[in-house]
Amino acid sequence: MKWIKDFKKYQESIQIDLTFTQIDIMESLNILDDVLLSSIAAENVDLLSTLKLPVEFQDKLDLDELSSNIEFINSISSIGLKKSALQNTDDFETFVNKPCRFILLYDFNANELENPDYILFQSYNSTIQKWDDTKLYKVKDDIKKFYDKLTSKTIEIIEGDVNYIYTTSNGNDWILQNVESQNDIYKKDISKDELQKIIDERKVVINII
């Protein structure tokens, strides 16, 4: 059962004892954008100095503008970097709690299957109804973890001394990972409604990973 125990090492894991409370499972799956960034050990660095951009760029840092700005493209090329296309979290089946968008920066000679050097990241502030300032982060871990965190979710249901590990990529369809534990209640494939019924009716503990 080593694989199951490894789930508990995740820093952002949240444990909920449903003996004492009830939850809406989908609301509980939402993650903060800083959790998304922490999945790649992102280190915030100064955007202008790192990318050797003139101070005049301070007012041109919206990612919509940067994605097609020839001066920006030429500037990062001069320090051996190239950019990906602009990506929006709304284009994915996502569990992030607010819209975000990002551009990956690669070594000029790298292909886009390799790990990027940096990520330009911007999140939407619904309170003031505008995009927050763009930030630049050094990518210090595998970018696949970023996309995994963005597009999938894992929960561990503990009932008695038995664990049931379910994953989803859309929030509606859940697949049991430790299939040797399946039974009439904890089936190999269950729907969101079936999962919510288990949570509502049974005395279980949930680790949201």
Protein backbone atom coordinates (compact mmCIF):
# COMPACT_ATOMS: atom_id res chain seq x y z
CA MET A 1 0.00 0.00 0.00
CA LYS A 2 3.03 2.27 -0.36
CA TRP A 3 1.44 4.04 -3.36
CA ILE A 4 -1.57 5.07 -1.26
CA LYS A 5 0.60 6.34 1.57
CA ASP A 6 2.56 8.49 -0.88
CA PHE A 7 -0.57 10.55 -1.53
CA LYS A 8 -0.41 11.91 2.02
CA LYS A 9 2.94 13.55 1.31
CA TYR A 10 1.33 16.22 -0.87
CA GLN A 11 1.61 19.57 0.89
CA GLU A 12 -1.77 20.85 -0.31
CA SER A 13 -3.70 17.74 0.82
CA ILE A 14 -6.77 18.63 2.90
CA GLN A 15 -8.41 16.10 5.23
CA ILE A 16 -12.13 16.36 6.02
CA ASP A 17 -13.88 14.14 8.59
CA LEU A 18 -17.50 13.79 7.45
CA THR A 19 -18.58 12.40 10.80
CA PHE A 20 -18.88 16.01 11.93
CA THR A 21 -19.64 17.98 8.77
CA GLN A 22 -21.02 17.84 5.24
CA ILE A 23 -19.44 19.23 2.09
CA ASP A 24 -20.19 19.91 -1.54
CA ILE A 25 -17.45 17.85 -3.13
CA MET A 26 -17.10 20.04 -6.23
CA GLU A 27 -16.69 23.25 -4.23
CA SER A 28 -14.06 21.54 -2.09
CA LEU A 29 -12.00 20.59 -5.14
CA ASN A 30 -11.28 24.18 -6.13
CA ILE A 31 -7.63 25.18 -5.77
CA LEU A 32 -5.92 28.53 -5.49
CA ASP A 33 -3.65 29.79 -8.23
CA ASP A 34 -0.69 29.75 -5.81
CA VAL A 35 -1.22 26.01 -5.32
CA LEU A 36 -1.02 25.64 -9.09
CA LEU A 37 2.28 27.53 -9.15
CA SER A 38 3.67 25.67 -6.15
CA SER A 39 3.29 22.41 -8.09
CA ILE A 40 6.28 23.49 -10.20
CA ALA A 41 8.15 25.11 -7.28
CA ALA A 42 7.70 28.43 -9.10
CA GLU A 43 10.06 31.16 -7.90
CA ASN A 44 8.91 34.75 -8.42
CA VAL A 45 11.61 36.80 -10.15
CA ASP A 46 11.72 40.39 -11.37
CA LEU A 47 10.15 40.47 -14.82
CA LEU A 48 11.86 43.50 -16.35
CA SER A 49 15.40 42.79 -15.19
CA THR A 50 15.26 39.04 -15.83
CA LEU A 51 13.98 39.47 -19.38
CA LYS A 52 16.15 42.56 -19.99
CA LEU A 53 13.09 44.66 -20.87
CA PRO A 54 13.24 48.47 -20.85
CA VAL A 55 11.32 50.22 -18.09
CA GLU A 56 8.82 51.45 -20.69
CA PHE A 57 7.43 47.90 -20.77
CA GLN A 58 6.04 48.40 -17.27
CA ASP A 59 2.74 49.52 -18.81
CA LYS A 60 2.72 46.85 -21.54
CA LEU A 61 2.73 43.71 -19.43
CA ASP A 62 -0.79 42.48 -20.08
CA LEU A 63 -0.37 38.99 -21.55
CA ASP A 64 -2.82 39.65 -24.38
CA GLU A 65 -0.51 42.44 -25.52
CA LEU A 66 2.77 40.64 -24.86
CA SER A 67 1.73 37.54 -26.78
CA SER A 68 1.89 39.43 -30.09
CA ASN A 69 4.28 42.27 -29.22
CA ILE A 70 7.17 42.14 -31.72
CA GLU A 71 9.43 44.24 -29.49
CA PHE A 72 8.89 41.80 -26.63
CA ILE A 73 9.52 38.77 -28.87
CA ASN A 74 12.73 40.31 -30.20
CA SER A 75 13.84 41.26 -26.70
CA ILE A 76 13.50 37.75 -25.24
CA SER A 77 15.13 36.32 -28.39
CA SER A 78 18.18 38.47 -27.68
CA ILE A 79 18.68 36.62 -24.37
CA GLY A 80 18.10 33.19 -25.90
CA LEU A 81 14.44 32.66 -25.06
CA LYS A 82 11.29 32.00 -27.07
CA LYS A 83 7.65 31.96 -26.00
CA SER A 84 4.70 29.60 -26.24
CA ALA A 85 1.24 30.63 -27.34
CA LEU A 86 -0.94 32.35 -24.75
CA GLN A 87 -2.94 29.76 -22.79
CA ASN A 88 -6.06 30.27 -20.67
CA THR A 89 -7.14 28.01 -17.82
CA ASP A 90 -10.73 28.36 -19.07
CA ASP A 91 -9.67 26.30 -22.10
CA PHE A 92 -9.10 23.31 -19.81
CA GLU A 93 -11.40 21.29 -17.56
CA THR A 94 -9.96 23.12 -14.59
CA PHE A 95 -10.24 23.21 -10.81
CA VAL A 96 -8.60 26.62 -10.38
CA ASN A 97 -10.88 28.97 -8.45
CA LYS A 98 -10.51 31.90 -10.88
CA PRO A 99 -9.51 32.48 -14.51
CA CYS A 100 -5.78 32.55 -15.16
CA ARG A 101 -3.65 32.80 -18.27
CA PHE A 102 0.00 32.11 -18.93
CA ILE A 103 2.85 32.03 -21.44
CA LEU A 104 5.76 29.62 -21.14
CA LEU A 105 9.30 30.78 -21.98
CA TYR A 106 11.76 28.23 -23.34
CA ASP A 107 15.42 28.17 -24.21
CA PHE A 108 15.56 29.22 -27.86
CA ASN A 109 16.97 25.84 -28.92
CA ALA A 110 14.50 23.77 -26.88
CA ASN A 111 11.36 22.18 -28.23
CA GLU A 112 8.05 22.56 -26.43
CA LEU A 113 8.18 18.99 -25.12
CA GLU A 114 11.04 20.09 -22.88
CA ASN A 115 10.63 21.93 -19.62
CA PRO A 116 10.30 25.74 -19.88
CA ASP A 117 12.68 28.06 -18.08
CA TYR A 118 10.00 30.55 -17.01
CA ILE A 119 6.26 31.08 -16.87
CA LEU A 120 4.53 34.45 -17.30
CA PHE A 121 1.37 34.24 -15.21
CA GLN A 122 -1.68 36.49 -14.81
CA SER A 123 -4.87 35.89 -12.81
CA TYR A 124 -8.25 37.63 -12.97
CA ASN A 125 -9.38 39.74 -10.01
CA SER A 126 -13.18 39.51 -9.91
CA THR A 127 -13.41 42.14 -7.16
CA ILE A 128 -12.11 44.91 -9.41
CA GLN A 129 -13.04 43.06 -12.62
CA LYS A 130 -9.63 43.27 -14.25
CA TRP A 131 -6.52 41.18 -14.71
CA ASP A 132 -3.86 41.44 -12.01
CA ASP A 133 -0.32 42.43 -12.94
CA THR A 134 1.64 39.84 -14.89
CA LYS A 135 4.31 38.06 -12.85
CA LEU A 136 7.32 36.07 -13.98
CA TYR A 137 8.28 32.80 -12.28
CA LYS A 138 11.31 30.58 -12.65
CA VAL A 139 10.06 27.03 -13.31
CA LYS A 140 11.97 24.73 -10.96
CA ASP A 141 10.00 21.49 -11.35
CA ASP A 142 8.36 19.45 -14.11
CA ILE A 143 5.73 21.51 -15.99
CA LYS A 144 3.67 18.32 -16.33
CA LYS A 145 2.82 18.71 -12.63
CA PHE A 146 1.35 22.14 -13.44
CA TYR A 147 -0.94 20.69 -16.12
CA ASP A 148 -1.83 17.70 -13.93
CA LYS A 149 -2.84 20.03 -11.12
CA LEU A 150 -4.79 22.17 -13.57
CA THR A 151 -6.71 19.38 -15.25
CA SER A 152 -7.13 16.53 -12.76
CA LYS A 153 -7.97 15.89 -9.13
CA THR A 154 -7.47 13.00 -6.73
CA ILE A 155 -9.32 12.18 -3.54
CA GLU A 156 -8.75 9.46 -0.99
CA ILE A 157 -11.88 8.18 0.79
CA ILE A 158 -11.17 6.39 4.07
CA GLU A 159 -13.94 4.23 5.50
CA GLY A 160 -12.84 2.21 8.51
CA ASP A 161 -9.42 0.83 7.67
CA VAL A 162 -9.96 0.73 3.88
CA ASN A 163 -8.84 3.42 1.40
CA TYR A 164 -10.45 4.22 -1.94
CA ILE A 165 -8.46 6.43 -4.32
CA TYR A 166 -10.47 8.19 -7.05
CA THR A 167 -9.26 10.52 -9.80
CA THR A 168 -11.14 12.75 -12.22
CA SER A 169 -10.24 14.96 -15.16
CA ASN A 170 -13.60 16.71 -15.45
CA GLY A 171 -15.29 16.52 -12.04
CA ASN A 172 -18.14 14.40 -13.40
CA ASP A 173 -16.54 10.98 -13.95
CA TRP A 174 -14.43 9.38 -11.22
CA ILE A 175 -12.17 6.34 -11.67
CA LEU A 176 -11.02 4.09 -8.81
CA GLN A 177 -7.24 3.68 -8.83
CA ASN A 178 -6.80 0.87 -6.30
CA VAL A 179 -9.27 -1.42 -8.10
CA GLU A 180 -8.59 -4.32 -5.75
CA SER A 181 -10.74 -2.45 -3.19
CA GLN A 182 -13.83 -2.05 -5.42
CA ASN A 183 -17.21 -3.30 -4.20
CA ASP A 184 -20.92 -2.60 -4.75
CA ILE A 185 -20.59 0.88 -3.20
CA TYR A 186 -17.10 1.90 -4.25
CA LYS A 187 -17.27 0.87 -7.90
CA LYS A 188 -14.51 1.20 -10.47
CA ASP A 189 -16.35 4.06 -12.24
CA ILE A 190 -18.74 6.38 -10.44
CA SER A 191 -20.44 9.66 -11.30
CA LYS A 192 -20.23 12.94 -9.43
CA ASP A 193 -23.72 12.33 -8.01
CA GLU A 194 -22.78 8.86 -6.81
CA LEU A 195 -19.68 10.25 -5.15
CA GLN A 196 -21.69 13.00 -3.47
CA LYS A 197 -24.21 10.38 -2.21
CA ILE A 198 -21.39 8.37 -0.62
CA ILE A 199 -20.09 11.51 1.04
CA ASP A 200 -23.56 12.51 2.29
CA GLU A 201 -24.62 9.11 3.62
CA ARG A 202 -21.50 7.40 4.95
CA LYS A 203 -19.20 8.20 7.86
CA VAL A 204 -15.96 8.66 5.96
CA VAL A 205 -12.81 10.73 6.01
CA ILE A 206 -11.70 12.39 2.77
CA ASN A 207 -8.24 13.54 1.77
CA ILE A 208 -8.51 16.05 -1.08
CA ILE A 209 -5.14 15.89 -2.81
